N, C-alpha and C. Protein backbone atom coordinates (compact mmCIF):
# COMPACT_ATOMS: atom_id res chain seq x y z
N UNK A 1 -64.93 -68.66 68.77
CA UNK A 1 -66.31 -67.99 68.96
C UNK A 1 -66.20 -66.95 67.66
N UNK A 2 -67.18 -67.03 66.69
CA UNK A 2 -66.82 -66.18 65.47
C UNK A 2 -67.60 -64.29 65.94
N UNK A 3 -68.44 -64.81 66.90
CA UNK A 3 -69.12 -63.41 67.10
C UNK A 3 -69.43 -63.44 68.37
N UNK A 4 -69.31 -62.25 69.20
CA UNK A 4 -69.67 -62.02 70.45
C UNK A 4 -70.99 -62.12 70.71
N UNK A 5 -71.92 -61.91 69.26
CA UNK A 5 -73.07 -61.69 69.39
C UNK A 5 -74.04 -63.06 69.17
N UNK A 6 -74.53 -63.42 70.57
CA UNK A 6 -75.18 -64.50 70.19
C UNK A 6 -76.22 -64.90 70.04
N UNK A 7 -76.87 -63.78 69.62
CA UNK A 7 -78.50 -63.90 68.98
C UNK A 7 -78.34 -63.61 67.33
N UNK A 8 -77.17 -63.66 67.16
CA UNK A 8 -76.85 -63.89 65.53
C UNK A 8 -76.88 -65.17 65.06
N UNK A 9 -77.64 -65.32 63.77
CA UNK A 9 -78.03 -66.38 63.49
C UNK A 9 -76.40 -67.40 62.89
N UNK A 10 -75.70 -66.83 62.63
CA UNK A 10 -74.36 -67.13 62.40
C UNK A 10 -73.14 -67.70 63.96
N UNK A 11 -73.72 -67.33 64.63
CA UNK A 11 -73.33 -67.53 65.78
C UNK A 11 -72.81 -69.16 66.44
N UNK A 12 -74.21 -70.04 65.73
CA UNK A 12 -73.79 -71.46 66.03
C UNK A 12 -72.33 -72.08 65.15
N UNK A 13 -71.95 -71.15 64.03
CA UNK A 13 -71.10 -71.65 63.65
C UNK A 13 -69.42 -71.78 64.27
N UNK A 14 -68.93 -72.83 64.22
CA UNK A 14 -67.24 -73.03 64.89
C UNK A 14 -66.62 -72.96 63.49
N UNK A 15 -65.01 -72.86 63.77
CA UNK A 15 -64.27 -73.21 63.23
C UNK A 15 -63.95 -74.60 63.34
N UNK A 16 -63.82 -75.52 62.24
CA UNK A 16 -63.93 -76.98 62.20
C UNK A 16 -64.99 -77.94 62.12
N UNK A 17 -66.00 -77.38 62.46
CA UNK A 17 -67.23 -78.03 61.84
C UNK A 17 -67.08 -78.54 60.38
N UNK A 18 -67.83 -79.42 60.51
CA UNK A 18 -67.73 -80.58 59.15
C UNK A 18 -68.99 -79.98 58.10
N UNK A 19 -69.28 -79.74 57.14
CA UNK A 19 -70.15 -79.68 55.98
C UNK A 19 -71.46 -80.01 56.88
N UNK A 20 -71.30 -81.58 56.95
CA UNK A 20 -72.96 -82.50 57.38
C UNK A 20 -73.03 -81.50 58.99
N UNK A 21 -72.45 -80.95 59.68
CA UNK A 21 -73.20 -80.39 60.75
C UNK A 21 -73.48 -79.29 60.42
N UNK A 22 -72.67 -78.08 59.59
CA UNK A 22 -73.59 -76.87 59.07
C UNK A 22 -74.76 -77.10 58.10
N UNK A 23 -74.79 -78.33 57.83
CA UNK A 23 -76.01 -78.27 56.86
C UNK A 23 -77.42 -78.85 57.54
N UNK A 24 -77.20 -79.50 58.68
CA UNK A 24 -77.67 -79.61 60.00
C UNK A 24 -78.52 -78.38 60.43
N UNK A 25 -77.42 -77.65 60.70
CA UNK A 25 -77.93 -76.31 61.09
C UNK A 25 -78.99 -75.27 60.39
N UNK A 26 -78.35 -75.44 58.97
CA UNK A 26 -79.00 -74.47 57.71
C UNK A 26 -79.43 -75.16 56.74
N UNK A 27 -80.92 -75.89 57.05
CA UNK A 27 -80.86 -76.94 56.07
C UNK A 27 -81.55 -76.05 54.18
N UNK A 28 -81.37 -74.72 54.74
CA UNK A 28 -81.28 -73.93 53.16
C UNK A 28 -80.19 -74.14 52.35
N UNK A 29 -79.13 -74.46 52.85
CA UNK A 29 -77.89 -74.57 52.57
C UNK A 29 -77.77 -75.08 51.13
N UNK A 30 -76.72 -74.45 50.42
CA UNK A 30 -76.69 -74.88 48.69
C UNK A 30 -75.18 -74.93 48.59
N UNK A 31 -75.04 -75.57 47.56
CA UNK A 31 -73.45 -75.89 47.10
C UNK A 31 -73.40 -74.76 46.08
N UNK A 32 -72.43 -73.94 46.09
CA UNK A 32 -72.59 -72.88 44.96
C UNK A 32 -72.14 -73.61 43.67
N UNK A 33 -71.90 -73.58 42.46
CA UNK A 33 -71.45 -74.11 41.24
C UNK A 33 -69.71 -74.04 41.61
N UNK A 34 -69.37 -75.10 41.23
CA UNK A 34 -67.47 -74.61 41.36
C UNK A 34 -67.11 -74.82 39.46
N UNK A 35 -66.12 -73.88 39.41
CA UNK A 35 -65.50 -73.78 37.80
C UNK A 35 -64.02 -74.66 38.00
N UNK A 36 -63.38 -75.10 36.92
CA UNK A 36 -61.79 -75.46 37.02
C UNK A 36 -61.48 -74.48 36.01
N UNK A 37 -60.26 -73.89 36.29
CA UNK A 37 -59.61 -73.26 34.72
C UNK A 37 -57.76 -73.10 35.49
N UNK A 38 -57.33 -72.10 34.61
CA UNK A 38 -56.03 -72.00 34.45
C UNK A 38 -55.79 -70.62 34.95
N UNK A 39 -54.95 -70.38 35.83
CA UNK A 39 -54.15 -69.26 36.34
C UNK A 39 -53.64 -68.61 35.16
N UNK A 40 -53.83 -67.48 34.61
CA UNK A 40 -52.88 -66.95 33.41
C UNK A 40 -51.68 -67.12 33.56
N UNK A 41 -51.12 -66.65 34.90
CA UNK A 41 -50.03 -66.09 34.79
C UNK A 41 -49.13 -66.97 35.28
N UNK A 42 -49.54 -68.20 35.77
CA UNK A 42 -48.64 -69.17 36.48
C UNK A 42 -49.04 -70.72 35.44
N UNK A 43 -50.34 -70.51 34.77
CA UNK A 43 -50.76 -71.91 34.33
C UNK A 43 -51.10 -73.25 35.59
N UNK A 44 -51.10 -72.73 36.54
CA UNK A 44 -51.49 -73.39 37.46
C UNK A 44 -52.59 -73.65 37.34
N UNK A 45 -53.55 -74.74 37.90
CA UNK A 45 -54.93 -75.03 37.92
C UNK A 45 -55.58 -75.06 39.15
N UNK A 46 -56.83 -74.00 38.79
CA UNK A 46 -57.35 -73.41 39.89
C UNK A 46 -58.66 -73.92 39.79
N UNK A 47 -59.37 -74.22 41.03
CA UNK A 47 -61.01 -74.00 41.22
C UNK A 47 -61.53 -73.51 41.97
N UNK A 48 -62.57 -72.61 41.18
CA UNK A 48 -63.14 -71.77 42.14
C UNK A 48 -64.69 -72.18 42.49
N UNK A 49 -65.59 -71.40 43.45
CA UNK A 49 -66.84 -71.84 43.66
C UNK A 49 -66.29 -73.23 44.42
N UNK A 50 -67.88 -73.76 44.63
CA UNK A 50 -68.22 -74.98 45.46
C UNK A 50 -68.06 -74.92 46.91
N UNK A 51 -68.48 -73.63 47.51
CA UNK A 51 -68.67 -73.20 48.26
C UNK A 51 -70.31 -73.69 48.86
N UNK A 52 -70.28 -73.58 50.21
CA UNK A 52 -71.87 -74.04 50.96
C UNK A 52 -72.51 -72.40 50.82
N UNK A 53 -73.66 -72.31 50.48
CA UNK A 53 -73.99 -70.93 50.49
C UNK A 53 -75.40 -71.04 51.58
N UNK A 54 -75.13 -69.72 51.97
CA UNK A 54 -76.68 -69.89 52.98
C UNK A 54 -77.18 -68.30 53.34
N UNK A 55 -78.51 -68.93 52.06
CA UNK A 55 -78.99 -67.23 51.98
C UNK A 55 -79.69 -66.93 53.05
N UNK A 56 -79.62 -65.35 53.27
CA UNK A 56 -80.42 -64.99 54.10
C UNK A 56 -79.73 -65.33 55.33
N UNK A 57 -78.97 -65.51 55.80
CA UNK A 57 -78.52 -66.15 57.02
C UNK A 57 -79.03 -65.01 58.61
N UNK A 58 -79.11 -64.18 58.13
CA UNK A 58 -79.37 -62.94 59.41
C UNK A 58 -79.56 -61.86 59.24
N UNK A 59 -80.74 -61.50 59.39
CA UNK A 59 -81.19 -60.11 59.34
C UNK A 59 -80.59 -58.98 60.25
N UNK A 60 -79.38 -58.41 59.80
CA UNK A 60 -78.46 -57.52 60.99
C UNK A 60 -78.90 -56.31 61.53
N UNK A 61 -79.50 -55.57 60.86
CA UNK A 61 -80.74 -54.69 61.32
C UNK A 61 -81.85 -54.45 60.38
N UNK A 62 -83.12 -54.31 60.56
CA UNK A 62 -84.30 -54.02 59.99
C UNK A 62 -84.11 -53.99 58.49
N UNK A 63 -84.37 -54.67 57.26
CA UNK A 63 -84.15 -54.48 56.34
C UNK A 63 -82.97 -54.67 55.70
N UNK A 64 -81.87 -55.43 56.21
CA UNK A 64 -80.60 -55.45 55.77
C UNK A 64 -80.12 -56.94 56.11
N UNK A 65 -80.51 -57.68 55.07
CA UNK A 65 -80.61 -58.90 55.32
C UNK A 65 -78.88 -59.13 54.90
N UNK A 66 -77.75 -60.44 55.39
CA UNK A 66 -76.96 -60.77 54.72
C UNK A 66 -76.93 -62.57 54.31
N UNK A 67 -76.32 -62.83 53.29
CA UNK A 67 -75.76 -64.10 53.23
C UNK A 67 -74.65 -64.43 53.43
N UNK A 68 -74.55 -65.56 53.51
CA UNK A 68 -73.20 -66.12 54.06
C UNK A 68 -72.52 -67.22 52.72
N UNK A 69 -71.45 -67.02 52.90
CA UNK A 69 -70.52 -68.39 51.71
C UNK A 69 -69.59 -68.87 52.89
N UNK A 70 -69.73 -70.13 53.17
CA UNK A 70 -68.99 -71.04 54.21
C UNK A 70 -67.77 -71.74 53.36
N UNK A 71 -66.56 -72.06 53.30
CA UNK A 71 -65.66 -72.41 52.90
C UNK A 71 -65.12 -73.66 53.80
N UNK A 72 -64.69 -74.49 53.19
CA UNK A 72 -64.05 -75.92 53.95
C UNK A 72 -63.08 -76.64 53.79
N UNK A 73 -61.87 -76.49 53.91
CA UNK A 73 -60.84 -77.40 53.72
C UNK A 73 -60.78 -78.71 53.35
N UNK A 74 -59.83 -78.90 52.83
CA UNK A 74 -59.35 -80.31 52.06
C UNK A 74 -59.95 -81.53 53.13
N UNK A 75 -59.96 -81.19 54.34
CA UNK A 75 -60.58 -82.01 55.37
C UNK A 75 -62.34 -82.19 55.51
N UNK A 76 -62.94 -81.40 55.09
CA UNK A 76 -64.03 -80.78 55.06
C UNK A 76 -64.48 -80.04 56.44
N UNK A 77 -63.62 -79.37 56.66
CA UNK A 77 -63.70 -78.16 57.92
C UNK A 77 -63.88 -76.99 57.95
N UNK A 78 -64.75 -76.46 58.38
CA UNK A 78 -65.31 -74.98 58.27
C UNK A 78 -63.87 -74.03 58.44
N UNK A 79 -63.81 -73.50 57.17
CA UNK A 79 -62.23 -72.71 57.33
C UNK A 79 -62.43 -70.97 56.60
N UNK A 80 -63.54 -71.24 56.43
CA UNK A 80 -63.47 -69.51 56.12
C UNK A 80 -65.26 -68.95 56.08
N UNK A 81 -65.58 -67.60 56.06
CA UNK A 81 -67.03 -67.65 56.10
C UNK A 81 -67.27 -65.92 55.52
N UNK A 82 -67.85 -65.95 54.25
CA UNK A 82 -68.00 -64.08 53.91
C UNK A 82 -69.52 -64.35 53.98
N UNK A 83 -69.45 -62.80 54.13
CA UNK A 83 -70.80 -62.32 54.57
C UNK A 83 -71.03 -60.82 53.60
N UNK A 84 -72.37 -60.67 53.43
CA UNK A 84 -72.66 -59.51 52.31
C UNK A 84 -73.68 -59.48 52.31
N UNK A 85 -74.50 -58.52 52.34
CA UNK A 85 -75.84 -58.32 52.09
C UNK A 85 -76.44 -58.51 50.62
N UNK A 86 -77.44 -59.08 51.17
CA UNK A 86 -78.40 -59.68 50.25
C UNK A 86 -79.21 -58.13 49.50
N UNK A 87 -78.74 -58.41 47.96
CA UNK A 87 -79.34 -56.63 47.29
C UNK A 87 -80.28 -57.47 46.35
N UNK A 88 -80.52 -58.81 46.17
CA UNK A 88 -81.05 -59.35 45.46
C UNK A 88 -82.91 -59.04 45.72
N UNK A 89 -83.59 -58.43 44.65
CA UNK A 89 -85.21 -57.62 45.06
C UNK A 89 -85.51 -58.93 45.36
N UNK A 90 -86.61 -58.99 46.20
CA UNK A 90 -87.63 -60.16 46.92
C UNK A 90 -88.39 -60.27 45.63
N UNK A 91 -89.11 -59.21 44.85
CA UNK A 91 -89.60 -59.75 43.61
C UNK A 91 -88.86 -58.75 42.34
N UNK A 92 -89.64 -59.66 40.81
CA UNK A 92 -88.74 -58.72 40.28
C UNK A 92 -88.41 -57.37 39.78
N UNK A 93 -87.69 -57.05 39.49
CA UNK A 93 -87.36 -55.47 39.65
C UNK A 93 -86.12 -54.62 40.51
N UNK A 94 -85.58 -53.87 40.37
CA UNK A 94 -84.28 -53.19 40.73
C UNK A 94 -84.56 -53.17 42.24
N UNK A 95 -83.70 -53.71 43.10
CA UNK A 95 -83.66 -53.59 44.72
C UNK A 95 -82.60 -52.37 45.09
N UNK A 96 -83.24 -51.45 45.71
CA UNK A 96 -82.45 -50.27 46.22
C UNK A 96 -82.67 -50.64 47.90
N UNK A 97 -81.02 -50.20 48.02
CA UNK A 97 -81.03 -50.15 49.59
C UNK A 97 -80.19 -49.00 49.98
N UNK A 98 -80.70 -47.94 51.04
CA UNK A 98 -80.24 -46.51 51.34
C UNK A 98 -78.47 -47.11 51.56
N UNK A 99 -77.67 -46.67 50.94
CA UNK A 99 -76.50 -46.41 51.29
C UNK A 99 -76.37 -46.21 52.98
N UNK A 100 -76.97 -45.58 53.66
CA UNK A 100 -76.69 -45.75 55.21
C UNK A 100 -77.14 -46.54 56.02
N UNK A 101 -78.33 -47.20 55.25
CA UNK A 101 -78.42 -48.17 55.68
C UNK A 101 -77.58 -49.51 55.87
N UNK A 102 -77.01 -49.86 54.62
CA UNK A 102 -75.72 -50.75 54.45
C UNK A 102 -74.71 -50.31 55.31
N UNK A 103 -74.58 -48.95 55.51
CA UNK A 103 -73.29 -48.71 56.61
C UNK A 103 -73.83 -48.97 58.11
N UNK A 104 -75.02 -48.91 58.32
CA UNK A 104 -75.45 -49.32 59.55
C UNK A 104 -75.61 -50.74 60.11
N UNK A 105 -75.60 -51.81 58.80
CA UNK A 105 -75.68 -53.33 59.03
C UNK A 105 -74.36 -53.28 59.03
N UNK A 106 -73.14 -52.93 58.10
CA UNK A 106 -71.94 -53.07 58.51
C UNK A 106 -71.54 -52.89 59.93
N UNK A 107 -71.55 -51.57 60.41
CA UNK A 107 -71.31 -51.19 61.91
C UNK A 107 -72.01 -52.32 62.78
N UNK A 108 -73.21 -52.85 62.96
CA UNK A 108 -73.21 -53.62 63.57
C UNK A 108 -72.95 -54.93 63.55
N UNK A 109 -72.80 -55.67 62.38
CA UNK A 109 -71.96 -56.69 62.17
C UNK A 109 -70.69 -56.65 63.11
N UNK A 110 -69.80 -55.20 62.74
CA UNK A 110 -68.40 -55.01 63.16
C UNK A 110 -68.52 -55.47 64.80
N UNK A 111 -69.25 -54.37 65.36
CA UNK A 111 -69.89 -54.28 66.59
C UNK A 111 -69.38 -56.15 67.05
N UNK A 112 -70.84 -56.85 66.38
CA UNK A 112 -70.88 -58.33 66.84
C UNK A 112 -69.78 -59.26 66.65
N UNK A 113 -68.73 -58.51 66.01
CA UNK A 113 -66.99 -59.42 65.86
C UNK A 113 -66.13 -59.26 66.59
N UNK A 114 -66.54 -57.45 67.91
CA UNK A 114 -65.40 -56.75 68.79
C UNK A 114 -64.72 -56.00 68.04
N UNK A 115 -65.43 -55.26 66.99
CA UNK A 115 -64.40 -54.35 66.37
C UNK A 115 -65.11 -53.32 66.54
N UNK A 116 -64.39 -52.33 67.26
CA UNK A 116 -65.03 -51.00 67.46
C UNK A 116 -65.39 -50.35 66.22
N UNK A 117 -65.95 -48.94 66.68
CA UNK A 117 -67.18 -48.05 65.93
C UNK A 117 -66.56 -47.59 64.51
N UNK A 118 -66.59 -47.82 63.58
CA UNK A 118 -66.35 -47.73 62.37
C UNK A 118 -67.17 -46.56 62.30
N UNK A 119 -66.35 -45.60 61.67
CA UNK A 119 -66.94 -44.31 61.36
C UNK A 119 -67.56 -43.70 59.92
N UNK A 120 -66.71 -45.15 59.32
CA UNK A 120 -67.27 -44.99 58.15
C UNK A 120 -66.78 -46.57 57.15
N UNK A 121 -67.53 -46.99 56.12
CA UNK A 121 -66.98 -47.95 55.64
C UNK A 121 -65.49 -47.93 55.13
N UNK A 122 -64.70 -48.91 55.62
CA UNK A 122 -62.96 -48.45 54.79
C UNK A 122 -63.00 -48.96 53.35
N UNK A 123 -62.58 -49.06 52.33
CA UNK A 123 -62.09 -49.33 51.39
C UNK A 123 -61.63 -51.29 51.47
N UNK A 124 -61.02 -51.05 52.31
CA UNK A 124 -60.10 -52.44 52.71
C UNK A 124 -59.65 -52.27 53.94
N UNK A 125 -60.17 -52.70 55.01
CA UNK A 125 -59.29 -53.20 56.26
C UNK A 125 -59.39 -54.48 57.19
N UNK A 126 -58.01 -54.75 57.62
CA UNK A 126 -58.23 -56.17 58.64
C UNK A 126 -57.58 -56.03 60.36
N UNK A 127 -58.54 -56.90 60.72
CA UNK A 127 -58.46 -56.54 61.92
C UNK A 127 -57.94 -58.43 62.25
N UNK A 128 -57.30 -59.05 63.70
CA UNK A 128 -57.22 -60.06 63.88
C UNK A 128 -57.83 -60.01 65.35
N UNK A 129 -59.00 -61.00 65.61
CA UNK A 129 -59.58 -61.04 67.43
C UNK A 129 -59.70 -61.83 67.45
N UNK A 130 -59.21 -62.20 68.49
CA UNK A 130 -59.48 -63.52 69.27
C UNK A 130 -59.59 -64.85 68.27
N UNK A 131 -58.23 -64.86 67.35
CA UNK A 131 -58.02 -65.72 66.80
C UNK A 131 -58.29 -65.90 65.49
N UNK A 132 -59.43 -64.56 65.14
CA UNK A 132 -59.66 -64.84 63.90
C UNK A 132 -59.81 -63.82 63.08
N UNK A 133 -59.39 -63.78 62.00
CA UNK A 133 -59.03 -62.60 60.90
C UNK A 133 -60.10 -62.51 59.87
N UNK A 134 -60.45 -61.28 60.36
CA UNK A 134 -61.56 -59.96 59.94
C UNK A 134 -61.23 -59.58 58.60
N UNK A 135 -61.63 -59.54 57.55
CA UNK A 135 -61.28 -58.61 56.67
C UNK A 135 -62.33 -57.58 56.10
N UNK A 136 -62.83 -56.28 56.01
CA UNK A 136 -63.80 -56.01 55.84
C UNK A 136 -63.53 -54.90 54.25
N UNK A 137 -64.31 -55.06 53.25
CA UNK A 137 -64.46 -54.31 52.22
C UNK A 137 -65.77 -53.38 51.84
N UNK A 138 -65.62 -52.63 51.15
CA UNK A 138 -66.91 -52.06 50.74
C UNK A 138 -67.26 -52.49 49.37
N UNK A 139 -66.84 -53.59 49.00
CA UNK A 139 -67.47 -54.34 47.89
C UNK A 139 -69.00 -54.56 47.66
N UNK A 140 -69.69 -54.50 47.06
CA UNK A 140 -71.20 -54.86 47.31
C UNK A 140 -71.76 -54.44 48.52
N UNK A 141 -71.56 -53.07 48.72
CA UNK A 141 -72.22 -52.66 49.84
C UNK A 141 -71.05 -52.65 51.26
N UNK A 142 -70.85 -54.20 50.78
CA UNK A 142 -69.70 -54.41 52.19
C UNK A 142 -69.67 -56.09 52.06
N UNK A 143 -68.65 -56.46 52.45
CA UNK A 143 -67.81 -57.40 52.70
C UNK A 143 -67.30 -57.89 53.63
N UNK A 144 -67.62 -58.74 54.50
CA UNK A 144 -66.55 -59.73 55.41
C UNK A 144 -66.29 -60.82 55.56
N UNK A 145 -65.07 -61.03 55.23
CA UNK A 145 -64.44 -62.22 54.88
C UNK A 145 -63.99 -62.88 56.44
N UNK A 146 -63.93 -63.85 56.82
CA UNK A 146 -63.98 -64.31 58.41
C UNK A 146 -62.70 -65.54 57.92
N UNK A 147 -61.66 -65.89 58.73
CA UNK A 147 -60.87 -67.14 58.62
C UNK A 147 -60.15 -67.35 59.61
N UNK A 148 -59.47 -68.22 59.99
CA UNK A 148 -58.55 -68.58 61.18
C UNK A 148 -57.62 -67.73 60.77
N UNK A 149 -57.26 -66.93 62.02
CA UNK A 149 -55.68 -66.42 62.09
C UNK A 149 -54.46 -67.27 62.35
């Protein structure tokens, strides 16, 4: 189980699901562009992107929608989930979301993952709960990265 909050739109996700199963659950999902390059330090070939993006997967509190990026391993099984607030404006122009609202949204997600109360958003913190590694950073308002522990 990825979240204890069974009302969360992403509560249907299970580690090991195929991308086909995910796309049935989330028909708005798209694939992000992938880019190939070389690690400047090692020269190793790397590919970034190519993940499944589910826009506005959940409104965690009124006014804070989160997007999800879903990563799949070589056997096409769900292996990672990224969640971050949708900061894009619905209409052209700047979107301003109150920082306190973002903190409340992050706290609500943390609660659903079984993390205790967060006094403030940490710059970076990690937990392992029920076999899931959960990383929280304050990047882009907040960002949760989940993977199997």
